[in-house]
Each structure stands twice: as C-alpha cells, then as structure tokens.
Protein backbone atom coordinates (compact mmCIF):
# COMPACT_ATOMS: atom_id res chain seq x y z
CA MET A 1 -20.30 9.77 -20.75
CA ARG A 2 -18.55 8.34 -23.80
CA SER A 3 -19.36 11.47 -25.77
CA ASN A 4 -17.75 13.58 -23.02
CA ARG A 5 -14.64 11.44 -23.24
CA ARG A 6 -14.44 11.72 -27.03
CA GLU A 7 -14.98 15.46 -26.83
CA PHE A 8 -12.23 15.73 -24.21
CA VAL A 9 -9.71 13.95 -26.41
CA LYS A 10 -10.76 15.88 -29.52
CA THR A 11 -10.69 19.29 -27.82
CA ALA A 12 -7.42 18.69 -26.01
CA SER A 13 -5.65 17.28 -29.03
CA LEU A 14 -6.68 20.16 -31.25
CA ALA A 15 -5.70 22.67 -28.58
CA LEU A 16 -2.13 21.40 -28.49
CA LEU A 17 -1.69 20.35 -32.11
CA GLY A 18 1.44 21.82 -33.63
CA SER A 19 2.77 23.04 -30.28
CA ARG A 20 6.30 22.72 -29.00
CA LEU A 21 5.08 20.15 -26.53
CA LEU A 22 3.94 17.92 -29.37
CA ALA A 23 7.33 18.18 -31.00
CA GLN A 24 9.15 17.48 -27.76
CA THR A 25 7.15 14.39 -26.85
CA LYS A 26 7.91 12.73 -30.18
CA ALA A 27 11.57 12.74 -29.20
CA SER A 28 11.15 11.70 -25.55
CA LYS A 29 8.65 10.43 -23.03
CA LEU A 30 5.72 12.73 -22.61
CA PRO A 31 5.57 14.49 -19.22
CA ILE A 32 3.03 12.29 -17.46
CA ALA A 33 3.33 10.84 -13.98
CA PHE A 34 1.15 9.03 -11.48
CA SER A 35 1.00 9.08 -7.71
CA THR A 36 1.52 5.90 -5.72
CA LEU A 37 -1.56 6.93 -3.75
CA GLY A 38 -3.43 5.18 -6.55
CA CYS A 39 -1.74 1.80 -6.17
CA PRO A 40 -1.35 1.19 -2.41
CA LYS A 41 -0.99 -2.59 -2.75
CA TRP A 42 1.62 -2.63 -5.49
CA GLU A 43 5.16 -3.70 -4.74
CA TRP A 44 7.96 -1.32 -5.74
CA SER A 45 9.03 -3.48 -8.68
CA LYS A 46 5.48 -3.49 -10.09
CA ILE A 47 5.23 0.30 -9.82
CA LEU A 48 8.39 0.76 -11.87
CA LYS A 49 7.45 -1.88 -14.41
CA PHE A 50 3.92 -0.53 -14.90
CA ALA A 51 5.16 3.04 -15.28
CA THR A 52 7.68 2.01 -17.92
CA GLU A 53 5.26 -0.16 -19.88
CA HIS A 54 2.65 2.60 -20.06
CA GLY A 55 4.88 5.46 -21.16
CA PHE A 56 5.13 7.39 -17.89
CA ALA A 57 8.16 9.60 -17.38
CA ALA A 58 7.88 9.87 -13.60
CA ILE A 59 6.14 8.75 -10.46
CA GLU A 60 5.10 10.73 -7.42
CA LEU A 61 5.77 9.01 -4.12
CA ARG A 62 2.79 9.13 -1.76
CA GLY A 63 3.00 6.05 0.39
CA LEU A 64 4.26 2.60 -0.54
CA GLU A 65 2.63 -0.73 0.31
CA GLY A 66 0.47 0.86 2.99
CA ASN A 67 3.29 2.87 4.57
CA MET A 68 2.59 6.60 4.30
CA ASP A 69 5.72 7.55 6.25
CA LEU A 70 8.02 7.18 3.26
CA PRO A 71 11.35 7.88 4.97
CA THR A 72 10.84 4.76 7.10
CA HIS A 73 10.15 2.44 4.16
CA PRO A 74 12.85 -0.25 3.79
CA ILE A 75 13.70 0.66 0.19
CA PHE A 76 14.90 4.07 1.42
CA ALA A 77 17.05 2.69 4.26
CA PRO A 78 20.71 3.79 4.18
CA ASP A 79 21.88 0.35 3.05
CA ARG A 80 19.21 0.11 0.32
CA ILE A 81 18.66 3.57 -1.12
CA ALA A 82 21.54 3.39 -3.61
CA GLN A 83 19.95 0.27 -5.10
CA THR A 84 16.57 2.02 -5.19
CA LYS A 85 18.03 4.97 -7.05
CA GLY A 86 19.62 2.59 -9.51
CA GLU A 87 16.29 0.89 -10.13
CA ILE A 88 14.65 4.24 -10.84
CA SER A 89 17.43 5.16 -13.25
CA ASN A 90 17.37 1.80 -15.00
CA ALA A 91 13.64 2.21 -15.55
CA LYS A 92 14.37 5.63 -17.10
CA LEU A 93 12.02 7.26 -14.62
CA ARG A 94 12.17 10.28 -12.35
CA ILE A 95 10.63 10.98 -8.97
CA ALA A 96 8.35 13.90 -9.72
CA CYS A 97 7.58 14.70 -6.09
CA VAL A 98 7.88 13.21 -2.62
CA SER A 99 4.57 13.92 -0.92
CA SER A 100 4.38 14.32 2.83
CA SER A 101 1.37 14.61 5.12
CA ALA A 102 2.75 17.66 6.94
CA ASN A 103 0.16 20.32 7.83
CA LEU A 104 1.32 23.85 8.58
CA TYR A 105 -1.77 25.39 10.18
CA PHE A 106 -1.02 24.22 13.72
CA GLU A 107 -0.57 26.93 16.34
CA ASP A 108 0.42 24.65 19.24
CA PRO A 109 4.26 24.77 19.37
CA ASP A 110 4.73 21.03 19.91
CA LYS A 111 2.35 20.02 17.14
CA ARG A 112 3.81 22.60 14.79
CA SER A 113 7.34 21.43 15.53
CA LYS A 114 6.40 17.83 14.75
CA GLN A 115 4.87 18.80 11.40
CA LEU A 116 7.92 20.81 10.40
CA ASP A 117 10.24 18.01 11.47
CA ASP A 118 8.24 15.52 9.41
CA ALA A 119 8.46 17.80 6.38
CA ARG A 120 12.25 18.06 6.82
CA ARG A 121 12.56 14.26 6.84
CA PHE A 122 10.72 14.16 3.52
CA ILE A 123 12.94 16.95 2.16
CA ASP A 124 15.98 14.90 3.10
CA LEU A 125 14.54 11.89 1.27
CA ALA A 126 13.69 13.94 -1.81
CA SER A 127 17.22 15.31 -1.88
CA LYS A 128 18.70 11.80 -1.75
CA LEU A 129 16.43 10.67 -4.58
CA GLY A 130 17.09 13.73 -6.73
CA SER A 131 13.42 14.73 -6.58
CA PRO A 132 12.82 18.48 -6.97
CA TYR A 133 9.70 18.79 -4.81
CA VAL A 134 8.16 17.93 -1.46
CA ARG A 135 4.44 18.44 -0.99
CA VAL A 136 2.94 19.86 2.21
CA PHE A 137 -0.56 20.96 3.19
CA GLY A 138 -1.93 24.14 4.68
CA GLY A 139 -4.59 22.06 6.39
CA LYS A 140 -7.33 22.93 8.86
CA SER A 141 -8.63 21.73 12.19
CA GLU A 142 -11.83 19.68 12.26
CA SER A 143 -13.46 22.32 14.46
CA ASP A 144 -12.80 25.09 11.92
CA LYS A 145 -16.02 25.59 9.98
CA ALA A 146 -15.02 28.78 8.18
CA LEU A 147 -15.00 28.76 4.39
CA ALA A 148 -11.43 30.07 4.25
CA PRO A 149 -8.53 30.43 6.69
CA ASP A 150 -8.24 33.66 8.64
CA ALA A 151 -5.33 36.06 8.22
CA THR A 152 -3.47 34.70 11.25
CA THR A 153 -3.63 31.14 9.95
CA LYS A 154 -2.44 32.19 6.50
CA THR A 155 0.49 34.03 8.03
CA ARG A 156 1.38 30.98 10.12
CA VAL A 157 1.27 28.70 7.09
CA ALA A 158 3.35 31.14 5.05
CA ALA A 159 5.94 31.30 7.84
CA GLY A 160 6.13 27.50 7.87
CA LEU A 161 6.62 27.42 4.11
CA LYS A 162 9.36 30.03 4.30
CA GLU A 163 11.13 28.10 7.06
CA LEU A 164 10.94 24.84 5.11
CA GLY A 165 12.05 26.59 1.93
CA SER A 166 15.16 27.82 3.70
CA TYR A 167 15.91 24.25 4.75
CA ALA A 168 15.11 22.76 1.33
CA GLY A 169 16.97 25.26 -0.86
CA PRO A 170 20.52 24.08 -0.13
CA LYS A 171 19.34 20.53 -0.83
CA ASN A 172 18.02 21.49 -4.31
CA VAL A 173 14.44 20.87 -3.22
CA THR A 174 11.41 23.16 -3.41
CA VAL A 175 8.52 22.88 -0.96
CA ILE A 176 5.13 23.02 -2.66
CA ILE A 177 1.81 23.60 -0.93
CA GLU A 178 -1.11 21.73 -2.46
CA SER A 179 -4.36 23.45 -3.38
CA HIS A 180 -6.36 21.38 -0.93
CA ASP A 181 -8.71 21.61 2.06
CA HIS A 182 -8.89 25.16 3.36
CA PHE A 183 -6.26 26.35 0.92
CA THR A 184 -8.04 25.87 -2.40
CA ALA A 185 -9.12 29.32 -3.56
CA SER A 186 -6.63 31.29 -5.62
CA SER A 187 -6.99 34.34 -3.39
CA THR A 188 -5.99 32.34 -0.31
CA LEU A 189 -3.07 30.63 -2.00
CA ARG A 190 -1.83 33.87 -3.52
CA ASP A 191 -1.77 35.55 -0.09
CA VAL A 192 0.17 32.66 1.42
CA LEU A 193 2.70 32.33 -1.40
CA GLN A 194 3.32 36.07 -1.53
CA GLN A 195 3.96 36.11 2.21
CA ALA A 196 6.27 33.10 2.00
CA ALA A 197 8.30 35.00 -0.61
CA SER A 198 10.80 32.22 -1.23
CA ASP A 199 12.46 30.91 -4.37
CA HIS A 200 12.19 27.45 -2.83
CA VAL A 201 8.44 27.56 -2.20
CA GLY A 202 5.81 26.92 -4.86
CA LEU A 203 2.43 25.41 -5.60
CA LEU A 204 1.17 21.94 -6.33
CA TRP A 205 -1.91 22.74 -8.38
CA ASP A 206 -4.51 20.10 -7.69
CA ALA A 207 -6.64 21.18 -10.61
CA HIS A 208 -9.58 19.08 -9.45
CA HIS A 209 -9.89 20.85 -6.10
CA THR A 210 -9.69 24.41 -7.41
CA PHE A 211 -12.50 23.56 -9.81
CA ALA A 212 -14.69 21.29 -7.67
CA THR A 213 -14.17 22.94 -4.28
CA ALA A 214 -13.36 26.58 -5.04
CA GLY A 215 -15.51 26.75 -8.19
CA GLU A 216 -12.76 28.32 -10.27
CA ASP A 217 -12.28 28.04 -14.02
CA PRO A 218 -8.80 26.70 -14.82
CA GLU A 219 -7.94 29.74 -16.91
CA PHE A 220 -8.59 31.97 -13.90
CA THR A 221 -6.57 29.80 -11.51
CA VAL A 222 -3.58 29.69 -13.84
CA LYS A 223 -3.74 33.43 -14.41
CA GLU A 224 -3.71 34.04 -10.67
CA LEU A 225 -1.24 31.38 -9.58
CA GLY A 226 0.69 30.31 -12.67
CA ARG A 227 3.99 31.83 -11.56
CA TRP A 228 4.05 29.48 -8.57
CA ILE A 229 2.84 26.24 -10.20
CA ARG A 230 5.58 23.61 -10.10
CA HIS A 231 3.64 20.33 -10.11
CA THR A 232 0.06 19.21 -10.77
CA HIS A 233 -2.55 16.68 -9.73
CA ILE A 234 -5.11 15.78 -12.37
CA LYS A 235 -8.23 13.64 -11.94
CA ASP A 236 -11.85 13.54 -13.07
CA SER A 237 -15.16 13.20 -11.24
CA THR A 238 -18.92 13.47 -11.59
CA GLY A 239 -21.53 15.06 -9.36
CA THR A 240 -21.29 18.16 -7.19
CA GLY A 241 -20.15 19.05 -3.70
CA GLU A 242 -19.80 16.16 -1.26
CA ASN A 243 -21.55 13.86 -3.75
CA ARG A 244 -18.67 13.92 -6.21
CA LYS A 245 -17.31 10.56 -7.28
CA TYR A 246 -13.99 9.95 -8.99
CA VAL A 247 -14.27 8.45 -12.47
CA LEU A 248 -11.92 7.51 -15.30
CA THR A 249 -10.28 10.40 -17.09
CA GLY A 250 -12.55 12.20 -19.53
CA ARG A 251 -15.75 10.60 -18.22
CA GLY A 252 -16.62 13.25 -15.66
CA ASN A 253 -17.34 16.97 -15.69
CA VAL A 254 -13.93 18.31 -14.68
CA PRO A 255 -12.51 20.45 -17.55
CA ILE A 256 -9.25 18.55 -17.87
CA ALA A 257 -8.58 19.59 -21.46
CA ARG A 258 -8.89 23.23 -20.45
CA GLN A 259 -6.65 22.64 -17.44
CA ILE A 260 -3.94 21.21 -19.65
CA LYS A 261 -4.36 23.99 -22.20
CA ALA A 262 -4.12 26.61 -19.43
CA LEU A 263 -0.86 25.08 -18.21
CA HIS A 264 0.46 24.99 -21.74
CA SER A 265 -0.34 28.71 -22.09
CA ILE A 266 2.22 29.53 -19.39
CA ASP A 267 4.83 27.15 -20.82
CA TYR A 268 4.50 24.83 -17.86
CA LYS A 269 7.54 22.54 -17.64
CA GLY A 270 6.42 20.09 -14.97
CA PHE A 271 4.60 16.78 -14.98
CA TYR A 272 0.90 16.16 -15.55
CA CYS A 273 0.41 13.83 -12.61
CA PHE A 274 -2.53 11.48 -12.15
CA GLU A 275 -3.69 11.30 -8.55
CA TRP A 276 -6.08 8.37 -8.25
CA GLU A 277 -7.18 8.41 -4.60
CA LYS A 278 -7.46 4.66 -4.17
CA VAL A 279 -6.14 4.81 -0.58
CA TRP A 280 -9.01 7.03 0.51
CA HIS A 281 -11.66 5.62 -1.86
CA PRO A 282 -11.13 1.85 -2.17
CA ASP A 283 -14.36 1.44 -4.16
CA ILE A 284 -13.10 3.30 -7.25
CA GLU A 285 -11.59 1.52 -10.28
CA GLU A 286 -8.51 -0.62 -9.73
CA PRO A 287 -5.16 1.04 -10.51
CA GLU A 288 -4.37 -1.34 -13.37
CA ILE A 289 -7.39 0.13 -15.16
CA ALA A 290 -7.35 3.75 -14.06
CA ILE A 291 -3.63 4.49 -14.40
CA ALA A 292 -3.32 2.83 -17.80
CA ASP A 293 -6.45 4.67 -18.93
CA TYR A 294 -4.96 8.01 -17.88
CA ALA A 295 -1.82 7.31 -19.89
CA ARG A 296 -3.90 6.68 -23.00
CA VAL A 297 -6.28 9.62 -22.67
CA VAL A 298 -3.91 12.33 -21.46
CA GLY A 299 -1.20 10.88 -23.66
CA GLN A 300 -3.41 11.49 -26.67
CA CYS A 301 -4.13 14.98 -25.37
CA LEU A 302 -0.44 15.73 -25.19
CA GLY A 303 0.16 14.34 -28.66
CA ASP A 304 2.03 11.10 -28.01
CA ALA A 305 0.44 8.34 -30.10
CA HIS A 306 2.41 5.52 -28.44
CA ALA A 307 1.16 6.43 -24.97
CA CYS A 308 -2.37 6.55 -26.36
CA GLY A 309 -2.05 2.97 -27.56
CA LEU A 310 -2.38 3.96 -31.20
C-alpha cells in the first residue's frame, strides 16, 4: 500500500502544481478541516489545540465528548457560548459545518416534525457560531430494501430541505444534504436538489460514499452535482461493498487525488474535510494518528509544505 500512497501524493501534487490554490495556501492556512466524529473522547481544548498545531483551518462539529446532540453540550450554553466563540477565534479556526442527525425521509407527521425541529436547533447553533452550514440526511427506513428512494420519498425529502432552507436563510446558514445512505447516487441527489430549488440548500459531497456505494467516478459526480457542492467529506478505505475498511489517507483504493482535482476543476471554495468515523468504528486508527496523517498527505496534495511536515 505504500506505493499507492506515494502515487497518490505524486499525482495529486502534480495535478495542482502552479494552481491558484497553491498560491493561496502559501499566504494562509490551506482549506483542510476534520470532523469531531473522529475524536469522540477529546476535550474541546484538545480539539482546538490539535487543529492549530497540525495546520487545519477549520473543524466540523459532529458530536463532542460522546454527546451527539450538540445544542445541549455545555460549551454552547447561553452563559458559555461567547467564551466558546472566543476560543475558536483565538485559535484562528472556523466551524466548517455543524452536523445534525436529522433525517428527512419520515412520512409520519410526528416523526417528521421532530426531525425538522432538531434540524432547526442545529441551524440556530450554527448561526450563533458563524458556521455557514448544517448537515442533514435524506435517510431511509430499515425496512426499505430498494436500491434508491422512490419518487414520493424524494419529493418529501426535497420539501423538508426547502422548508429548512427557508428557516436557515435569514440566519446566514445553508442546509446541506449529505451523499449518504439511500441518497448517494448523483441522479437521486440531483432530483432532490432540483426540487428543493433553494439558494439556502446545497450538498455535502461525501466523496467516499458516491464512489464506494454508488460506484461513481469523481469526475462524473462533480459534473452532475458540482453546482450544489458546498462542503466535503474525504476518507480512504480498502475492500469492496460491506467488506470495506477505513484506512489512513492514500493507503486505500478510493481515488482521493482525483476527487480533489475534480473539486479544483469547478473552483471549489469550501473545505476538504476529513471524516474519520471513529465513533462508529472504534477499531480503526486512533485520531492522533489518522487526523495528523490526513493533514500531512492532503496538505502535500494541496501544496502546503508546512502542513505536510516538510
């Protein structure tokens, strides 16, 4: 796998050499982030310190210290949030996204109402933190064995996105649906996003899932969905299907260099965010190893020698 890793760095670096991105990152932090999903046991102070020491420009909030319901975490309490914002600013970091667990596929009125209310709470938190995005899911029921959502479900999800977008817009927040679960194929996501038809609705491109689950080449996905991509999740893995296992960046068979190049081709302005699913897969590498490794490898890809440890 070492040869794959070397080839990744070589290919990615050459692809972006001489680009505007390279010039920009010499003058400022390169646009990398990591999700707190990857470090569920870290205290808030450690998250900020680690991000700063390893050249990250932002963090994505997805649970803290085992609490996935972020608006209830003590550091976001009314009497504490001003201090929290100050700590983020002092660390010269941004909050790339506040990620909720809201699922929009529900038909039952009570369940649907709860999911929308949860998403609104996260939108409120994002607005207070100055974060531009809140992630939601399309989702699917466990009993649904279809390969893709039916037209009625897509319409319901699109309606939920539109409703949340209307709520989020005045708060300077955009709601982004993640390419995940039932909503991974570009054709499905395009239908939903077109129906939502909102300036405050976009896409979180989990580039791993569109490749590993939907079987799409990154160039195709970006061509189909690029106009909606606002944020990304990047990670590597080996194997196929349900036997896939997450591995350190550049050591698997996910075409990360091509994913980054595809984003660069559309002048993507967001963060390249590492989502290390340590919460769901406790057996994978510890965050101290995996997150630092991502900063080095993708940092080199983006042309920032300091972040690569050079």
